C-alpha cells in the first residue's frame, strides 16, 4: 500500500497520482503537532483558513483501514476549511493548487477523545494523502 500512496495505483485501486521523485521521506512537525510531508510541490494558489478547496483525498487509520476516500467515490470533493478538522485546515495551507500532501493528524487536531463512530475510534490518529485540485 505504501507504494500506491507514493506512486499512485492505476489499475489496482483508485488513488493518488504520482509524487515528486525527490519528495521527502521524513515528516515535518508543526508547532501544533501536525506531521506532514509535501509529496508534490506546487507554486499554485494556497488555501486560506476560511476558504474552500476542491481535493481528492484518501483517509486511513493507523492500522491502514480506509475510513474515507474521494477516489473510491469517483470524483473530487469541495470542502470549506472552516468545516473540517483543524489538522486538515492547517495542512492544506502548506501546499498549493496542483500539489499533494501527506498528513498525519494527531487526535487533538482530529476528532479527539470522542472519535466519530462508527468509523473513527476515540483518540485516533488520522492519515491523509490529499491532492489539491483547486483553491477558491
Protein backbone atom coordinates (compact mmCIF):
# COMPACT_ATOMS: atom_id res chain seq x y z
CA UNK A 1 0.00 0.00 0.00
CA UNK A 2 2.85 2.47 0.71
CA UNK A 3 3.98 2.14 -2.89
CA UNK A 4 0.46 3.01 -4.03
CA UNK A 5 0.43 6.18 -1.92
CA UNK A 6 3.76 7.35 -3.28
CA UNK A 7 3.25 6.49 -6.93
CA UNK A 8 -0.47 6.01 -7.50
CA UNK A 9 -2.27 2.75 -8.06
CA UNK A 10 -3.65 2.97 -11.58
CA UNK A 11 -5.33 -0.27 -12.45
CA UNK A 12 -5.18 -1.62 -8.88
CA UNK A 13 -7.29 0.72 -6.82
CA UNK A 14 -8.26 4.36 -7.35
CA UNK A 15 -5.75 6.51 -5.52
CA UNK A 16 -3.40 9.45 -5.51
CA UNK A 17 -1.35 10.41 -8.52
CA UNK A 18 2.45 10.35 -8.62
CA UNK A 19 4.63 12.14 -6.09
CA UNK A 20 7.71 14.16 -6.96
CA UNK A 21 10.79 11.94 -7.37
CA UNK A 22 12.54 13.96 -4.66
CA UNK A 23 9.59 14.11 -2.21
CA UNK A 24 10.83 13.91 1.39
CA UNK A 25 10.71 10.58 3.18
CA UNK A 26 10.58 12.20 6.62
CA UNK A 27 7.68 14.16 8.08
CA UNK A 28 7.95 17.73 9.33
CA UNK A 29 6.12 18.53 12.57
CA UNK A 30 4.41 21.90 13.10
CA UNK A 31 4.08 23.65 16.47
CA UNK A 32 0.54 22.28 16.79
CA UNK A 33 1.75 18.68 16.41
CA UNK A 34 0.59 18.13 12.82
CA UNK A 35 3.00 15.98 10.82
CA UNK A 36 3.22 16.47 7.07
CA UNK A 37 5.30 15.91 4.00
CA UNK A 38 4.75 17.55 0.65
CA UNK A 39 4.60 14.79 -1.94
CA UNK A 40 4.13 17.08 -4.94
CA UNK A 41 5.25 20.70 -4.80
CA UNK A 42 3.26 23.47 -6.39
CA UNK A 43 3.64 27.19 -6.80
CA UNK A 44 -0.13 27.47 -7.18
CA UNK A 45 -2.51 29.43 -5.01
CA UNK A 46 -2.63 28.23 -1.38
CA UNK A 47 -5.75 27.82 0.72
CA UNK A 48 -6.70 30.24 3.47
CA UNK A 49 -8.38 29.24 6.77
CA UNK A 50 -11.82 30.50 5.68
CA UNK A 51 -11.52 29.35 2.08
CA UNK A 52 -12.67 26.40 0.03
CA UNK A 53 -10.72 23.71 -1.76
CA UNK A 54 -11.51 21.06 -4.34
CA UNK A 55 -9.48 17.99 -3.44
CA UNK A 56 -9.02 14.30 -3.99
CA UNK A 57 -8.12 12.51 -0.76
CA UNK A 58 -7.59 9.18 0.95
CA UNK A 59 -8.07 8.93 4.73
CA UNK A 60 -6.78 6.00 6.79
CA UNK A 61 -6.35 4.96 10.41
CA UNK A 62 -3.10 3.74 11.99
CA UNK A 63 -3.92 0.13 11.08
CA UNK A 64 -4.35 1.04 7.40
CA UNK A 65 -8.16 0.92 7.41
CA UNK A 66 -9.53 3.39 4.86
CA UNK A 67 -12.31 5.40 6.52
CA UNK A 68 -12.97 7.80 3.65
CA UNK A 69 -11.81 8.35 0.09
CA UNK A 70 -12.93 10.64 -2.69
CA UNK A 71 -11.09 8.31 -5.08
CA UNK A 72 -13.48 5.47 -4.27
CA UNK A 73 -16.39 7.86 -4.80
CA UNK A 74 -15.05 8.62 -8.28
CA UNK A 75 -14.69 12.38 -8.08
CA UNK A 76 -13.06 15.18 -6.09
CA UNK A 77 -14.85 16.93 -3.23
CA UNK A 78 -15.18 20.62 -2.33
CA UNK A 79 -14.57 21.44 1.34
CA UNK A 80 -14.87 24.62 3.37
CA UNK A 81 -11.75 24.76 5.52
CA UNK A 82 -13.98 26.02 8.33
CA UNK A 83 -15.89 22.71 8.38
CA UNK A 84 -13.10 20.14 8.59
CA UNK A 85 -10.89 19.01 11.47
CA UNK A 86 -8.19 21.54 12.49
CA UNK A 87 -5.32 19.36 11.25
CA UNK A 88 -6.84 19.21 7.77
CA UNK A 89 -7.30 23.00 7.72
CA UNK A 90 -3.70 23.58 8.84
CA UNK A 91 -2.23 21.03 6.45
CA UNK A 92 -3.97 22.27 3.33
CA UNK A 93 -2.44 25.71 3.85
CA UNK A 94 1.01 24.12 3.38
CA UNK A 95 0.60 23.07 -0.27
CA UNK A 96 -0.56 24.96 -3.33
CA UNK A 97 -3.12 24.24 -6.02
CA UNK A 98 -1.86 21.24 -8.02
CA UNK A 99 0.21 19.96 -5.10
CA UNK A 100 -0.14 16.84 -2.99
CA UNK A 101 0.49 16.44 0.73
CA UNK A 102 0.53 13.60 3.23
CA UNK A 103 -0.84 14.47 6.67
CA UNK A 104 -0.59 12.67 9.99
CA UNK A 105 -3.18 14.34 12.19
CA UNK A 106 -2.99 13.63 15.93
CA UNK A 107 -6.29 13.08 17.76
CA UNK A 108 -6.28 16.55 19.30
CA UNK A 109 -6.28 18.07 15.79
CA UNK A 110 -8.76 15.48 14.52
CA UNK A 111 -11.84 14.03 16.23
CA UNK A 112 -10.29 13.90 19.71
CA UNK A 113 -11.46 11.76 22.59
CA UNK A 114 -14.88 11.18 21.05
CA UNK A 115 -13.83 9.92 17.64
CA UNK A 116 -16.54 9.72 15.03
CA UNK A 117 -18.47 6.47 15.29
CA UNK A 118 -18.68 4.06 13.67
CA UNK A 119 -15.55 4.53 11.53
CA UNK A 120 -13.15 6.61 13.62
CA UNK A 121 -12.40 5.40 17.15
CA UNK A 122 -11.66 7.69 20.11
CA UNK A 123 -8.17 9.25 20.14
CA UNK A 124 -7.45 8.14 16.56
CA UNK A 125 -4.54 9.50 14.54
CA UNK A 126 -5.75 10.28 11.03
CA UNK A 127 -3.60 9.74 7.95
CA UNK A 128 -4.43 11.55 4.73
CA UNK A 129 -2.98 11.90 1.28
CA UNK A 130 -4.56 14.95 -0.34
CA UNK A 131 -4.25 16.30 -3.88
CA UNK A 132 -5.27 19.97 -4.09
CA UNK A 133 -7.05 20.45 -7.38
CA UNK A 134 -8.39 23.96 -6.91
CA UNK A 135 -8.35 26.68 -4.26
CA UNK A 136 -11.34 29.05 -4.09
